[in-house]
Amino acid sequence: MPLSHRGTEWSRTILKTLVVLNIILALLIVAAFVLSFVFEAQVVAYYRSLPTGLDGALLVVGMRVFMAIGIWMFPLFHRVLTKLLAIVDTVRLGDPFVPENAVRLQQIAWALLCVQVLHLVFGALAKMLSSTNAVIEWTFSVSGWLAVILLFVLARVFEEGARMRQDLEGTV
């Protein structure tokens, strides 16, 4: 088996595993979200019993908001992973410079742009919900925003490359 074919098989295996893990994690977060309503009184009572002085009711609302943001991210990551898998499949077939991959890269870029916006929302909420007793850590992701820009540019490069290839095939 050629080295490049082994690389795409590894990539496929890793991406398929990540798709499954993403689905499992999504189900766990949805379950935790639902359970936060079922066991709300117990969670609030627990946090009120701590000597930290945290407002248990506010904390439960904050946790739900963060879980809701997470729930919104799962379909975005699913889209990224499945589109990457489709791109890897075209590499495996020996023809990655097709117009469909330009579209896939653009779809990945849009999904990651949405992830970055949700990350900003998370950061704003973390800042609002942080108190002197409970600080929610958050940092701005420069690399995330650069990845979005890079993917939009790469999508355009793939689009132009596919167009040039079609033009070449038309002249031969």
Protein backbone atom coordinates (compact mmCIF):
# COMPACT_ATOMS: atom_id res chain seq x y z
CA MET A 1 0.00 0.00 0.00
CA PRO A 2 1.53 3.36 -0.99
CA LEU A 3 2.42 5.75 1.81
CA SER A 4 -0.10 8.36 0.62
CA HIS A 5 -2.90 5.78 0.64
CA ARG A 6 -1.99 4.77 4.21
CA GLY A 7 -2.13 8.44 5.19
CA THR A 8 -5.63 8.86 3.83
CA GLU A 9 -6.74 5.66 5.57
CA TRP A 10 -5.41 7.00 8.87
CA SER A 11 -7.15 10.29 8.21
CA ARG A 12 -10.42 8.53 7.42
CA THR A 13 -10.18 6.43 10.58
CA ILE A 14 -9.42 9.45 12.75
CA LEU A 15 -12.21 11.54 11.19
CA LYS A 16 -14.76 8.73 11.52
CA THR A 17 -13.75 8.28 15.16
CA LEU A 18 -14.12 12.02 15.76
CA VAL A 19 -17.59 11.97 14.18
CA VAL A 20 -18.67 9.23 16.59
CA LEU A 21 -17.07 10.98 19.60
CA ASN A 22 -18.77 14.25 18.61
CA ILE A 23 -22.15 12.50 18.54
CA ILE A 24 -21.52 10.82 21.91
CA LEU A 25 -20.44 14.10 23.48
CA ALA A 26 -23.48 15.86 22.02
CA LEU A 27 -25.77 13.25 23.56
CA LEU A 28 -24.03 13.60 26.93
CA ILE A 29 -24.35 17.39 26.92
CA VAL A 30 -28.02 17.18 25.92
CA ALA A 31 -28.58 14.68 28.76
CA ALA A 32 -26.77 16.98 31.21
CA PHE A 33 -28.90 19.89 30.02
CA VAL A 34 -32.12 17.93 30.59
CA LEU A 35 -30.89 16.65 33.96
CA SER A 36 -30.09 20.21 35.03
CA PHE A 37 -33.85 20.77 35.13
CA VAL A 38 -34.61 17.46 36.84
CA PHE A 39 -32.05 17.99 39.60
CA GLU A 40 -32.12 21.79 39.74
CA ALA A 41 -33.10 21.98 43.42
CA GLN A 42 -30.32 19.62 44.48
CA VAL A 43 -27.66 21.47 42.48
CA VAL A 44 -28.77 24.86 43.81
CA ALA A 45 -28.81 23.51 47.38
CA TYR A 46 -25.34 22.00 46.95
CA TYR A 47 -23.78 25.26 45.76
CA ARG A 48 -25.55 27.25 48.46
CA SER A 49 -24.07 24.89 51.06
CA LEU A 50 -20.51 25.68 49.98
CA PRO A 51 -18.58 28.36 51.89
CA THR A 52 -17.75 30.14 48.61
CA GLY A 53 -20.91 32.23 48.67
CA LEU A 54 -21.82 31.33 45.10
CA ASP A 55 -25.42 31.89 44.04
CA GLY A 56 -26.53 28.35 43.15
CA ALA A 57 -29.52 29.49 41.09
CA LEU A 58 -27.37 31.82 38.99
CA LEU A 59 -24.78 29.11 38.59
CA VAL A 60 -27.38 26.65 37.26
CA VAL A 61 -28.60 29.22 34.73
CA GLY A 62 -25.01 29.88 33.68
CA MET A 63 -24.30 26.16 33.26
CA ARG A 64 -27.41 25.79 31.11
CA VAL A 65 -26.39 28.69 28.90
CA PHE A 66 -22.91 27.19 28.43
CA MET A 67 -24.43 23.78 27.67
CA ALA A 68 -26.78 25.39 25.13
CA ILE A 69 -23.79 27.01 23.41
CA GLY A 70 -22.09 23.62 23.38
CA ILE A 71 -25.19 21.98 21.92
CA TRP A 72 -25.14 24.52 19.07
CA MET A 73 -21.48 23.68 18.37
CA PHE A 74 -22.02 19.95 17.80
CA PRO A 75 -23.78 20.23 14.42
CA LEU A 76 -21.13 22.72 13.34
CA PHE A 77 -18.32 20.31 14.22
CA HIS A 78 -20.27 17.47 12.59
CA ARG A 79 -20.40 19.48 9.38
CA VAL A 80 -16.65 20.19 9.57
CA LEU A 81 -15.77 16.55 10.19
CA THR A 82 -18.05 15.11 7.49
CA LYS A 83 -16.87 17.64 4.90
CA LEU A 84 -13.26 16.86 5.76
CA LEU A 85 -14.04 13.17 5.38
CA ALA A 86 -15.50 13.84 1.91
CA ILE A 87 -12.35 15.77 0.96
CA VAL A 88 -10.13 12.94 2.20
CA ASP A 89 -12.20 10.55 0.06
CA THR A 90 -11.42 12.60 -3.07
CA VAL A 91 -7.72 12.51 -2.15
CA ARG A 92 -8.01 8.75 -1.76
CA LEU A 93 -9.53 8.52 -5.24
CA GLY A 94 -6.65 10.61 -6.59
CA ASP A 95 -8.70 13.66 -7.59
CA PRO A 96 -8.84 16.29 -4.81
CA PHE A 97 -8.98 19.36 -7.07
CA VAL A 98 -12.66 19.18 -7.89
CA PRO A 99 -15.21 21.98 -7.60
CA GLU A 100 -17.04 20.07 -4.84
CA ASN A 101 -13.99 20.37 -2.57
CA ALA A 102 -13.97 24.14 -3.01
CA VAL A 103 -17.60 24.15 -1.86
CA ARG A 104 -16.76 21.81 1.03
CA LEU A 105 -13.90 24.04 2.18
CA GLN A 106 -16.18 27.05 2.07
CA GLN A 107 -18.80 25.18 4.12
CA ILE A 108 -16.11 24.26 6.65
CA ALA A 109 -15.03 27.91 6.80
CA TRP A 110 -18.61 29.07 7.46
CA ALA A 111 -19.07 26.42 10.15
CA LEU A 112 -15.83 27.46 11.87
CA LEU A 113 -16.84 31.11 11.60
CA CYS A 114 -20.02 30.22 13.50
CA VAL A 115 -17.92 28.34 16.07
CA GLN A 116 -15.76 31.44 16.56
CA VAL A 117 -18.83 33.65 17.01
CA LEU A 118 -20.22 31.20 19.60
CA HIS A 119 -16.81 31.25 21.27
CA LEU A 120 -17.08 35.05 21.55
CA VAL A 121 -20.58 34.70 23.04
CA PHE A 122 -19.20 32.18 25.52
CA GLY A 123 -16.44 34.63 26.46
CA ALA A 124 -18.87 37.49 26.98
CA LEU A 125 -21.11 35.31 29.15
CA ALA A 126 -18.12 33.99 31.07
CA LYS A 127 -17.10 37.56 31.83
CA MET A 128 -20.65 38.44 32.95
CA LEU A 129 -21.07 35.35 35.12
CA SER A 130 -17.64 35.47 36.71
CA SER A 131 -17.59 36.75 40.23
CA THR A 132 -14.94 37.24 42.86
CA ASN A 133 -15.52 33.67 44.02
CA ALA A 134 -15.83 31.95 40.65
CA VAL A 135 -13.81 32.99 37.64
CA ILE A 136 -14.61 31.35 34.32
CA GLU A 137 -11.45 31.31 32.22
CA TRP A 138 -11.66 32.39 28.58
CA THR A 139 -9.17 33.62 26.01
CA PHE A 140 -9.63 35.10 22.57
CA SER A 141 -8.66 32.61 19.84
CA VAL A 142 -6.45 34.36 17.30
CA SER A 143 -5.62 31.01 15.70
CA GLY A 144 -9.31 30.17 15.34
CA TRP A 145 -10.02 33.38 13.44
CA LEU A 146 -6.90 32.90 11.30
CA ALA A 147 -8.07 29.36 10.47
CA VAL A 148 -11.40 30.76 9.28
CA ILE A 149 -9.66 33.27 7.01
CA LEU A 150 -7.25 30.60 5.75
CA LEU A 151 -10.13 28.26 4.89
CA PHE A 152 -12.01 30.93 2.94
CA VAL A 153 -8.81 31.67 0.99
CA LEU A 154 -8.09 27.95 0.47
CA ALA A 155 -11.65 27.41 -0.76
CA ARG A 156 -11.11 30.18 -3.31
CA VAL A 157 -7.77 28.63 -4.37
CA PHE A 158 -9.46 25.24 -4.86
CA GLU A 159 -12.28 26.88 -6.81
CA GLU A 160 -9.84 28.67 -9.10
CA GLY A 161 -7.67 25.54 -9.47
CA ALA A 162 -10.67 23.43 -10.44
CA ARG A 163 -11.76 26.08 -12.95
CA MET A 164 -8.28 26.24 -14.48
CA ARG A 165 -8.18 22.45 -14.68
CA GLN A 166 -11.53 22.37 -16.52
CA ASP A 167 -10.26 25.04 -18.91
CA LEU A 168 -7.11 22.97 -19.59
CA GLU A 169 -9.13 19.82 -20.20
CA GLY A 170 -11.34 21.75 -22.59
CA THR A 171 -8.36 22.88 -24.69
CA VAL A 172 -6.73 19.45 -25.01
